[in-house]
Amino acid sequence: MTKDIEAPPRWFSELVILGTIRLYELRYGPDGVLAGAYQYDDAQLIEACRTDFEQLYGTGEDFSSFHDRVTGPLLRARCAEASA
Protein backbone atom coordinates (compact mmCIF):
# COMPACT_ATOMS: atom_id res chain seq x y z
CA MET A 1 0.00 0.00 0.00
CA THR A 2 2.76 2.46 0.88
CA LYS A 3 4.40 2.13 -2.54
CA ASP A 4 1.15 3.25 -4.19
CA ILE A 5 1.04 6.31 -1.94
CA GLU A 6 4.67 7.19 -2.61
CA ALA A 7 4.50 6.77 -6.39
CA PRO A 8 5.01 10.14 -8.10
CA PRO A 9 1.68 11.18 -9.63
CA ARG A 10 1.13 13.24 -12.75
CA TRP A 11 -1.06 15.43 -10.57
CA PHE A 12 -1.67 15.39 -6.87
CA SER A 13 -4.39 16.49 -4.54
CA GLU A 14 -4.74 17.64 -0.99
CA LEU A 15 -7.78 16.76 1.08
CA VAL A 16 -9.18 19.14 3.66
CA ILE A 17 -11.89 17.80 5.95
CA LEU A 18 -14.05 20.16 7.98
CA GLY A 19 -15.51 18.02 10.72
CA THR A 20 -18.19 15.76 9.34
CA ILE A 21 -19.88 18.23 7.01
CA ARG A 22 -17.48 19.10 4.20
CA LEU A 23 -14.51 17.73 2.29
CA TYR A 24 -12.44 19.70 -0.18
CA GLU A 25 -10.12 18.13 -2.73
CA LEU A 26 -7.55 20.68 -3.81
CA ARG A 27 -5.99 19.66 -7.12
CA TYR A 28 -2.45 20.64 -8.10
CA GLY A 29 -0.70 20.24 -11.44
CA PRO A 30 2.71 18.63 -11.90
CA ASP A 31 4.28 22.05 -11.41
CA GLY A 32 2.78 22.31 -7.92
CA VAL A 33 0.39 25.12 -8.85
CA LEU A 34 -3.21 24.89 -7.65
CA ALA A 35 -5.32 23.78 -10.62
CA GLY A 36 -8.76 23.72 -8.99
CA ALA A 37 -10.82 22.18 -6.23
CA TYR A 38 -13.84 19.99 -5.65
CA GLN A 39 -16.25 20.25 -2.73
CA TYR A 40 -18.04 17.22 -1.29
CA ASP A 41 -20.73 16.97 1.37
CA ASP A 42 -21.48 13.24 1.17
CA ALA A 43 -21.34 12.03 4.79
CA GLN A 44 -20.26 8.48 3.83
CA LEU A 45 -17.40 9.75 1.67
CA ILE A 46 -16.23 12.11 4.40
CA GLU A 47 -16.33 9.34 7.02
CA ALA A 48 -14.44 6.95 4.71
CA CYS A 49 -11.71 9.56 4.18
CA ARG A 50 -11.51 10.28 7.91
CA THR A 51 -11.15 6.55 8.60
CA ASP A 52 -8.41 6.22 5.95
CA PHE A 53 -6.54 9.20 7.44
CA GLU A 54 -6.73 7.71 10.92
CA GLN A 55 -5.29 4.44 9.61
CA LEU A 56 -2.48 6.24 7.80
CA TYR A 57 -1.63 8.33 10.85
CA GLY A 58 -1.66 5.15 12.93
CA THR A 59 1.03 3.59 10.74
CA GLY A 60 3.14 6.74 10.61
CA GLU A 61 6.28 7.45 12.57
CA ASP A 62 6.56 10.10 15.25
CA PHE A 63 8.15 13.25 13.86
CA SER A 64 10.90 13.39 16.49
CA SER A 65 12.14 9.87 15.82
CA PHE A 66 11.92 10.43 12.05
CA HIS A 67 13.96 13.62 12.38
CA ASP A 68 16.57 11.92 14.55
CA ARG A 69 16.81 8.99 12.13
CA VAL A 70 16.56 10.74 8.71
CA THR A 71 16.46 14.53 8.62
CA GLY A 72 19.01 15.25 11.35
CA PRO A 73 21.85 13.27 9.76
CA LEU A 74 21.13 14.83 6.35
CA LEU A 75 21.20 18.34 7.80
CA ARG A 76 24.45 17.65 9.67
CA ALA A 77 26.03 16.29 6.49
CA ARG A 78 24.97 19.35 4.48
CA CYS A 79 26.27 21.71 7.17
CA ALA A 80 29.59 19.85 7.19
CA GLU A 81 29.83 20.11 3.39
CA ALA A 82 28.99 23.81 3.45
CA SER A 83 31.61 24.61 6.06
CA ALA A 84 34.36 22.55 4.38
PDB file of N, CA and C in Angstrom:
ATOM      1  N   MET A   1       0.820  -1.201   0.000  1.00  0.00           N
ATOM      2  CA  MET A   1       0.000   0.000   0.000  1.00  0.00           C
ATOM      3  C   MET A   1       0.859   1.258   0.000  1.00  0.00           C
ATOM      4  N   THR A   2       1.927   1.269   0.779  1.00  0.00           N
ATOM      5  CA  THR A   2       2.763   2.459   0.877  1.00  0.00           C
ATOM      6  C   THR A   2       3.380   2.821  -0.467  1.00  0.00           C
ATOM      7  N   LYS A   3       3.789   1.828  -1.253  1.00  0.00           N
ATOM      8  CA  LYS A   3       4.397   2.135  -2.543  1.00  0.00           C
ATOM      9  C   LYS A   3       3.426   2.884  -3.445  1.00  0.00           C
ATOM     10  N   ASP A   4       2.145   2.528  -3.396  1.00  0.00           N
ATOM     11  CA  ASP A   4       1.154   3.247  -4.189  1.00  0.00           C
ATOM     12  C   ASP A   4       1.057   4.709  -3.755  1.00  0.00           C
ATOM     13  N   ILE A   5       1.135   4.947  -2.472  1.00  0.00           N
ATOM     14  CA  ILE A   5       1.037   6.305  -1.944  1.00  0.00           C
ATOM     15  C   ILE A   5       2.263   7.116  -2.342  1.00  0.00           C
ATOM     16  N   GLU A   6       3.434   6.480  -2.341  1.00  0.00           N
ATOM     17  CA  GLU A   6       4.672   7.189  -2.612  1.00  0.00           C
ATOM     18  C   GLU A   6       4.974   7.344  -4.099  1.00  0.00           C
ATOM     19  N   ALA A   7       4.246   6.660  -4.958  1.00  0.00           N
ATOM     20  CA  ALA A   7       4.501   6.765  -6.395  1.00  0.00           C
ATOM     21  C   ALA A   7       4.263   8.200  -6.861  1.00  0.00           C
ATOM     22  N   PRO A   8       5.188   8.757  -7.661  1.00  0.00           N
ATOM     23  CA  PRO A   8       5.008  10.143  -8.097  1.00  0.00           C
ATOM     24  C   PRO A   8       3.852  10.275  -9.088  1.00  0.00           C
ATOM     25  N   PRO A   9       2.827  11.036  -8.740  1.00  0.00           N
ATOM     26  CA  PRO A   9       1.678  11.182  -9.628  1.00  0.00           C
ATOM     27  C   PRO A   9       1.913  12.233 -10.709  1.00  0.00           C
ATOM     28  N   ARG A  10       1.097  12.179 -11.741  1.00  0.00           N
ATOM     29  CA  ARG A  10       1.132  13.236 -12.755  1.00  0.00           C
ATOM     30  C   ARG A  10       0.489  14.489 -12.200  1.00  0.00           C
ATOM     31  N   TRP A  11      -0.442  14.334 -11.298  1.00  0.00           N
ATOM     32  CA  TRP A  11      -1.057  15.433 -10.567  1.00  0.00           C
ATOM     33  C   TRP A  11      -1.240  14.941  -9.147  1.00  0.00           C
ATOM     34  N   PHE A  12      -1.419  15.820  -8.241  1.00  0.00           N
ATOM     35  CA  PHE A  12      -1.672  15.388  -6.875  1.00  0.00           C
ATOM     36  C   PHE A  12      -2.743  16.258  -6.255  1.00  0.00           C
ATOM     37  N   SER A  13      -3.321  15.752  -5.199  1.00  0.00           N
ATOM     38  CA  SER A  13      -4.389  16.495  -4.538  1.00  0.00           C
ATOM     39  C   SER A  13      -4.121  16.544  -3.047  1.00  0.00           C
ATOM     40  N   GLU A  14      -4.809  17.454  -2.436  1.00  0.00           N
ATOM     41  CA  GLU A  14      -4.739  17.637  -0.990  1.00  0.00           C
ATOM     42  C   GLU A  14      -6.178  17.615  -0.497  1.00  0.00           C
ATOM     43  N   LEU A  15      -6.435  16.829   0.532  1.00  0.00           N
ATOM     44  CA  LEU A  15      -7.781  16.765   1.080  1.00  0.00           C
ATOM     45  C   LEU A  15      -7.851  17.584   2.355  1.00  0.00           C
ATOM     46  N   VAL A  16      -8.909  18.351   2.468  1.00  0.00           N
ATOM     47  CA  VAL A  16      -9.178  19.145   3.662  1.00  0.00           C
ATOM     48  C   VAL A  16     -10.558  18.739   4.151  1.00  0.00           C
ATOM     49  N   ILE A  17     -10.618  18.257   5.387  1.00  0.00           N
ATOM     50  CA  ILE A  17     -11.890  17.805   5.952  1.00  0.00           C
ATOM     51  C   ILE A  17     -12.291  18.766   7.059  1.00  0.00           C
ATOM     52  N   LEU A  18     -13.500  19.287   6.955  1.00  0.00           N
ATOM     53  CA  LEU A  18     -14.046  20.161   7.983  1.00  0.00           C
ATOM     54  C   LEU A  18     -15.077  19.376   8.788  1.00  0.00           C
ATOM     55  N   GLY A  19     -14.619  18.803   9.876  1.00  0.00           N
ATOM     56  CA  GLY A  19     -15.512  18.017  10.725  1.00  0.00           C
ATOM     57  C   GLY A  19     -16.140  16.864   9.978  1.00  0.00           C
ATOM     58  N   THR A  20     -17.456  16.820  10.026  1.00  0.00           N
ATOM     59  CA  THR A  20     -18.192  15.755   9.341  1.00  0.00           C
ATOM     60  C   THR A  20     -19.098  16.317   8.257  1.00  0.00           C
ATOM     61  N   ILE A  21     -18.935  17.606   7.937  1.00  0.00           N
ATOM     62  CA  ILE A  21     -19.880  18.233   7.013  1.00  0.00           C
ATOM     63  C   ILE A  21     -19.328  18.544   5.632  1.00  0.00           C
ATOM     64  N   ARG A  22     -18.004  18.675   5.491  1.00  0.00           N
ATOM     65  CA  ARG A  22     -17.478  19.104   4.198  1.00  0.00           C
ATOM     66  C   ARG A  22     -16.081  18.538   3.971  1.00  0.00           C
ATOM     67  N   LEU A  23     -15.823  18.187   2.712  1.00  0.00           N
ATOM     68  CA  LEU A  23     -14.508  17.725   2.290  1.00  0.00           C
ATOM     69  C   LEU A  23     -14.142  18.498   1.038  1.00  0.00           C
ATOM     70  N   TYR A  24     -12.934  19.011   1.002  1.00  0.00           N
ATOM     71  CA  TYR A  24     -12.438  19.704  -0.180  1.00  0.00           C
ATOM     72  C   TYR A  24     -11.250  18.931  -0.735  1.00  0.00           C
ATOM     73  N   GLU A  25     -11.255  18.750  -2.033  1.00  0.00           N
ATOM     74  CA  GLU A  25     -10.118  18.129  -2.730  1.00  0.00           C
ATOM     75  C   GLU A  25      -9.458  19.229  -3.555  1.00  0.00           C
ATOM     76  N   LEU A  26      -8.303  19.667  -3.091  1.00  0.00           N
ATOM     77  CA  LEU A  26      -7.546  20.684  -3.810  1.00  0.00           C
ATOM     78  C   LEU A  26      -6.648  19.971  -4.807  1.00  0.00           C
ATOM     79  N   ARG A  27      -6.739  20.333  -6.067  1.00  0.00           N
ATOM     80  CA  ARG A  27      -5.986  19.656  -7.124  1.00  0.00           C
ATOM     81  C   ARG A  27      -4.832  20.540  -7.587  1.00  0.00           C
ATOM     82  N   TYR A  28      -3.658  19.948  -7.667  1.00  0.00           N
ATOM     83  CA  TYR A  28      -2.452  20.641  -8.105  1.00  0.00           C
ATOM     84  C   TYR A  28      -1.927  19.979  -9.372  1.00  0.00           C
ATOM     85  N   GLY A  29      -1.330  20.768 -10.244  1.00  0.00           N
ATOM     86  CA  GLY A  29      -0.699  20.244 -11.439  1.00  0.00           C
ATOM     87  C   GLY A  29       0.694  19.741 -11.135  1.00  0.00           C
ATOM     88  N   PRO A  30       1.368  19.165 -12.116  1.00  0.00           N
ATOM     89  CA  PRO A  30       2.711  18.629 -11.895  1.00  0.00           C
ATOM     90  C   PRO A  30       3.717  19.703 -11.503  1.00  0.00           C
ATOM     91  N   ASP A  31       3.392  20.956 -11.784  1.00  0.00           N
ATOM     92  CA  ASP A  31       4.283  22.053 -11.406  1.00  0.00           C
ATOM     93  C   ASP A  31       4.028  22.545  -9.984  1.00  0.00           C
ATOM     94  N   GLY A  32       3.071  21.935  -9.293  1.00  0.00           N
ATOM     95  CA  GLY A  32       2.776  22.306  -7.917  1.00  0.00           C
ATOM     96  C   GLY A  32       1.832  23.480  -7.770  1.00  0.00           C
ATOM     97  N   VAL A  33       1.297  23.980  -8.883  1.00  0.00           N
ATOM     98  CA  VAL A  33       0.388  25.119  -8.849  1.00  0.00           C
ATOM     99  C   VAL A  33      -1.052  24.614  -8.715  1.00  0.00           C
ATOM    100  N   LEU A  34      -1.814  25.268  -7.841  1.00  0.00           N
ATOM    101  CA  LEU A  34      -3.206  24.885  -7.649  1.00  0.00           C
ATOM    102  C   LEU A  34      -3.953  24.956  -8.974  1.00  0.00           C
ATOM    103  N   ALA A  35      -4.624  23.854  -9.330  1.00  0.00           N
ATOM    104  CA  ALA A  35      -5.322  23.781 -10.616  1.00  0.00           C
ATOM    105  C   ALA A  35      -6.839  23.809 -10.445  1.00  0.00           C
ATOM    106  N   GLY A  36      -7.331  23.701  -9.223  1.00  0.00           N
ATOM    107  CA  GLY A  36      -8.764  23.717  -8.989  1.00  0.00           C
ATOM    108  C   GLY A  36      -9.100  22.951  -7.726  1.00  0.00           C
ATOM    109  N   ALA A  37     -10.389  22.881  -7.430  1.00  0.00           N
ATOM    110  CA  ALA A  37     -10.823  22.181  -6.226  1.00  0.00           C
ATOM    111  C   ALA A  37     -12.230  21.631  -6.422  1.00  0.00           C
ATOM    112  N   TYR A  38     -12.511  20.573  -5.686  1.00  0.00           N
ATOM    113  CA  TYR A  38     -13.840  19.992  -5.653  1.00  0.00           C
ATOM    114  C   TYR A  38     -14.334  20.051  -4.210  1.00  0.00           C
ATOM    115  N   GLN A  39     -15.629  20.216  -4.055  1.00  0.00           N
ATOM    116  CA  GLN A  39     -16.248  20.248  -2.732  1.00  0.00           C
ATOM    117  C   GLN A  39     -17.217  19.083  -2.623  1.00  0.00           C
ATOM    118  N   TYR A  40     -17.157  18.353  -1.510  1.00  0.00           N
ATOM    119  CA  TYR A  40     -18.037  17.215  -1.287  1.00  0.00           C
ATOM    120  C   TYR A  40     -18.752  17.384   0.044  1.00  0.00           C
ATOM    121  N   ASP A  41     -20.003  16.955   0.098  1.00  0.00           N
ATOM    122  CA  ASP A  41     -20.729  16.972   1.366  1.00  0.00           C
ATOM    123  C   ASP A  41     -21.386  15.622   1.666  1.00  0.00           C
ATOM    124  N   ASP A  42     -20.962  14.590   0.948  1.00  0.00           N
ATOM    125  CA  ASP A  42     -21.483  13.239   1.168  1.00  0.00           C
ATOM    126  C   ASP A  42     -20.909  12.691   2.477  1.00  0.00           C
ATOM    127  N   ALA A  43     -21.771  12.457   3.462  1.00  0.00           N
ATOM    128  CA  ALA A  43     -21.338  12.027   4.794  1.00  0.00           C
ATOM    129  C   ALA A  43     -20.571  10.708   4.760  1.00  0.00           C
ATOM    130  N   GLN A  44     -20.962   9.770   3.910  1.00  0.00           N
ATOM    131  CA  GLN A  44     -20.259   8.477   3.829  1.00  0.00           C
ATOM    132  C   GLN A  44     -18.856   8.650   3.252  1.00  0.00           C
ATOM    133  N   LEU A  45     -18.718   9.484   2.245  1.00  0.00           N
ATOM    134  CA  LEU A  45     -17.398   9.750   1.666  1.00  0.00           C
ATOM    135  C   LEU A  45     -16.491  10.415   2.693  1.00  0.00           C
ATOM    136  N   ILE A  46     -17.019  11.403   3.397  1.00  0.00           N
ATOM    137  CA  ILE A  46     -16.230  12.111   4.401  1.00  0.00           C
ATOM    138  C   ILE A  46     -15.779  11.149   5.497  1.00  0.00           C
ATOM    139  N   GLU A  47     -16.681  10.304   5.970  1.00  0.00           N
ATOM    140  CA  GLU A  47     -16.330   9.344   7.018  1.00  0.00           C
ATOM    141  C   GLU A  47     -15.295   8.336   6.517  1.00  0.00           C
ATOM    142  N   ALA A  48     -15.419   7.881   5.274  1.00  0.00           N
ATOM    143  CA  ALA A  48     -14.439   6.946   4.710  1.00  0.00           C
ATOM    144  C   ALA A  48     -13.062   7.589   4.642  1.00  0.00           C
ATOM    145  N   CYS A  49     -12.999   8.847   4.236  1.00  0.00           N
ATOM    146  CA  CYS A  49     -11.713   9.557   4.177  1.00  0.00           C
ATOM    147  C   CYS A  49     -11.133   9.748   5.572  1.00  0.00           C
ATOM    148  N   ARG A  50     -11.976  10.109   6.526  1.00  0.00           N
ATOM    149  CA  ARG A  50     -11.514  10.277   7.908  1.00  0.00           C
ATOM    150  C   ARG A  50     -10.941   8.962   8.437  1.00  0.00           C
ATOM    151  N   THR A  51     -11.615   7.863   8.154  1.00  0.00           N
ATOM    152  CA  THR A  51     -11.146   6.548   8.598  1.00  0.00           C
ATOM    153  C   THR A  51      -9.801   6.214   7.949  1.00  0.00           C
ATOM    154  N   ASP A  52      -9.673   6.467   6.653  1.00  0.00           N
ATOM    155  CA  ASP A  52      -8.407   6.215   5.955  1.00  0.00           C
ATOM    156  C   ASP A  52      -7.278   7.061   6.555  1.00  0.00           C
ATOM    157  N   PHE A  53      -7.563   8.327   6.838  1.00  0.00           N
ATOM    158  CA  PHE A  53      -6.545   9.200   7.439  1.00  0.00           C
ATOM    159  C   PHE A  53      -6.109   8.664   8.797  1.00  0.00           C
ATOM    160  N   GLU A  54      -7.064   8.246   9.613  1.00  0.00           N
ATOM    161  CA  GLU A  54      -6.728   7.711  10.925  1.00  0.00           C
ATOM    162  C   GLU A  54      -5.840   6.479  10.805  1.00  0.00           C
ATOM    163  N   GLN A  55      -6.123   5.623   9.820  1.00  0.00           N
ATOM    164  CA  GLN A  55      -5.287   4.437   9.610  1.00  0.00           C
ATOM    165  C   GLN A  55      -3.886   4.831   9.163  1.00  0.00           C
ATOM    166  N   LEU A  56      -3.795   5.791   8.258  1.00  0.00           N
ATOM    167  CA  LEU A  56      -2.481   6.243   7.801  1.00  0.00           C
ATOM    168  C   LEU A  56      -1.678   6.864   8.937  1.00  0.00           C
ATOM    169  N   TYR A  57      -2.313   7.721   9.721  1.00  0.00           N
ATOM    170  CA  TYR A  57      -1.628   8.326  10.855  1.00  0.00           C
ATOM    171  C   TYR A  57      -1.186   7.267  11.849  1.00  0.00           C
ATOM    172  N   GLY A  58      -1.990   6.229  12.005  1.00  0.00           N
ATOM    173  CA  GLY A  58      -1.657   5.153  12.926  1.00  0.00           C
ATOM    174  C   GLY A  58      -0.424   4.372  12.508  1.00  0.00           C
ATOM    175  N   THR A  59      -0.148   4.323  11.220  1.00  0.00           N
ATOM    176  CA  THR A  59       1.025   3.587  10.738  1.00  0.00           C
ATOM    177  C   THR A  59       2.241   4.490  10.594  1.00  0.00           C
ATOM    178  N   GLY A  60       2.043   5.789  10.775  1.00  0.00           N
ATOM    179  CA  GLY A  60       3.141   6.739  10.607  1.00  0.00           C
ATOM    180  C   GLY A  60       4.108   6.729  11.781  1.00  0.00           C
ATOM    181  N   GLU A  61       5.240   7.354  11.568  1.00  0.00           N
ATOM    182  CA  GLU A  61       6.285   7.453  12.570  1.00  0.00           C
ATOM    183  C   GLU A  61       6.218   8.817  13.244  1.00  0.00           C
ATOM    184  N   ASP A  62       6.503   8.844  14.512  1.00  0.00           N
ATOM    185  CA  ASP A  62       6.556  10.095  15.254  1.00  0.00           C
ATOM    186  C   ASP A  62       7.595  11.021  14.622  1.00  0.00           C
ATOM    187  N   PHE A  63       7.260  12.299  14.532  1.00  0.00           N
ATOM    188  CA  PHE A  63       8.148  13.248  13.858  1.00  0.00           C
ATOM    189  C   PHE A  63       9.530  13.296  14.496  1.00  0.00           C
ATOM    190  N   SER A  64       9.599  13.296  15.811  1.00  0.00           N
ATOM    191  CA  SER A  64      10.900  13.392  16.494  1.00  0.00           C
ATOM    192  C   SER A  64      11.819  12.231  16.141  1.00  0.00           C
ATOM    193  N   SER A  65      11.288  11.020  16.147  1.00  0.00           N
ATOM    194  CA  SER A  65      12.140   9.871  15.822  1.00  0.00           C
ATOM    195  C   SER A  65      12.520   9.877  14.344  1.00  0.00           C
ATOM    196  N   PHE A  66      11.594  10.313  13.471  1.00  0.00           N
ATOM    197  CA  PHE A  66      11.919  10.426  12.049  1.00  0.00           C
ATOM    198  C   PHE A  66      13.035  11.445  11.845  1.00  0.00           C
ATOM    199  N   HIS A  67      12.920  12.584  12.499  1.00  0.00           N
ATOM    200  CA  HIS A  67      13.956  13.616  12.375  1.00  0.00           C
ATOM    201  C   HIS A  67      15.306  13.094  12.863  1.00  0.00           C
ATOM    202  N   ASP A  68      15.316  12.452  14.016  1.00  0.00           N
ATOM    203  CA  ASP A  68      16.571  11.920  14.550  1.00  0.00           C
ATOM    204  C   ASP A  68      17.177  10.881  13.623  1.00  0.00           C
ATOM    205  N   ARG A  69      16.332  10.090  12.984  1.00  0.00           N
ATOM    206  CA  ARG A  69      16.808   8.993  12.133  1.00  0.00           C
ATOM    207  C   ARG A  69      17.175   9.454  10.728  1.00  0.00           C
ATOM    208  N   VAL A  70      16.402  10.400  10.124  1.00  0.00           N
ATOM    209  CA  VAL A  70      16.564  10.743   8.713  1.00  0.00           C
ATOM    210  C   VAL A  70      17.014  12.188   8.499  1.00  0.00           C
ATOM    211  N   THR A  71      16.202  13.119   8.928  1.00  0.00           N
ATOM    212  CA  THR A  71      16.458  14.529   8.620  1.00  0.00           C
ATOM    213  C   THR A  71      17.701  15.059   9.311  1.00  0.00           C
ATOM    214  N   GLY A  72      17.858  14.761  10.592  1.00  0.00           N
ATOM    215  CA  GLY A  72      19.009  15.253  11.351  1.00  0.00           C
ATOM    216  C   GLY A  72      20.343  14.900  10.708  1.00  0.00           C
ATOM    217  N   PRO A  73      20.585  13.617  10.392  1.00  0.00           N
ATOM    218  CA  PRO A  73      21.854  13.269   9.757  1.00  0.00           C
ATOM    219  C   PRO A  73      22.063  13.966   8.403  1.00  0.00           C
ATOM    220  N   LEU A  74      20.994  14.129   7.635  1.00  0.00           N
ATOM    221  CA  LEU A  74      21.126  14.834   6.352  1.00  0.00           C
ATOM    222  C   LEU A  74      21.509  16.290   6.562  1.00  0.00           C
ATOM    223  N   LEU A  75      20.882  16.941   7.521  1.00  0.00           N
ATOM    224  CA  LEU A  75      21.204  18.344   7.802  1.00  0.00           C
ATOM    225  C   LEU A  75      22.638  18.493   8.298  1.00  0.00           C
ATOM    226  N   ARG A  76      23.066  17.594   9.175  1.00  0.00           N
ATOM    227  CA  ARG A  76      24.453  17.648   9.673  1.00  0.00           C
ATOM    228  C   ARG A  76      25.445  17.449   8.530  1.00  0.00           C
ATOM    229  N   ALA A  77      25.133  16.525   7.631  1.00  0.00           N
ATOM    230  CA  ALA A  77      26.026  16.287   6.489  1.00  0.00           C
ATOM    231  C   ALA A  77      26.105  17.510   5.594  1.00  0.00           C
ATOM    232  N   ARG A  78      24.975  18.148   5.331  1.00  0.00           N
ATOM    233  CA  ARG A  78      24.970  19.350   4.485  1.00  0.00           C
ATOM    234  C   ARG A  78      25.715  20.492   5.155  1.00  0.00           C
ATOM    235  N   CYS A  79      25.536  20.649   6.440  1.00  0.00           N
ATOM    236  CA  CYS A  79      26.274  21.708   7.173  1.00  0.00           C
ATOM    237  C   CYS A  79      27.774  21.455   7.126  1.00  0.00           C
ATOM    238  N   ALA A  80      28.163  20.190   7.263  1.00  0.00           N
ATOM    239  CA  ALA A  80      29.587  19.845   7.195  1.00  0.00           C
ATOM    240  C   ALA A  80      30.136  20.141   5.818  1.00  0.00           C
ATOM    241  N   GLU A  81      29.387  19.818   4.757  1.00  0.00           N
ATOM    242  CA  GLU A  81      29.825  20.111   3.390  1.00  0.00           C
ATOM    243  C   GLU A  81      29.957  21.608   3.162  1.00  0.00           C
ATOM    244  N   ALA A  82      29.004  22.357   3.669  1.00  0.00           N
ATOM    245  CA  ALA A  82      28.994  23.805   3.455  1.00  0.00           C
ATOM    246  C   ALA A  82      30.137  24.485   4.161  1.00  0.00           C
ATOM    247  N   SER A  83      30.548  23.957   5.314  1.00  0.00           N
ATOM    248  CA  SER A  83      31.606  24.609   6.057  1.00  0.00           C
ATOM    249  C   SER A  83      32.995  24.116   5.642  1.00  0.00           C
ATOM    250  N   ALA A  84      33.061  23.091   4.809  1.00  0.00           N
ATOM    251  CA  ALA A  84      34.362  22.547   4.379  1.00  0.00           C
ATOM    252  C   ALA A  84      35.000  23.357   3.275  1.00  0.00           C
TER     253      ALA A  84
END
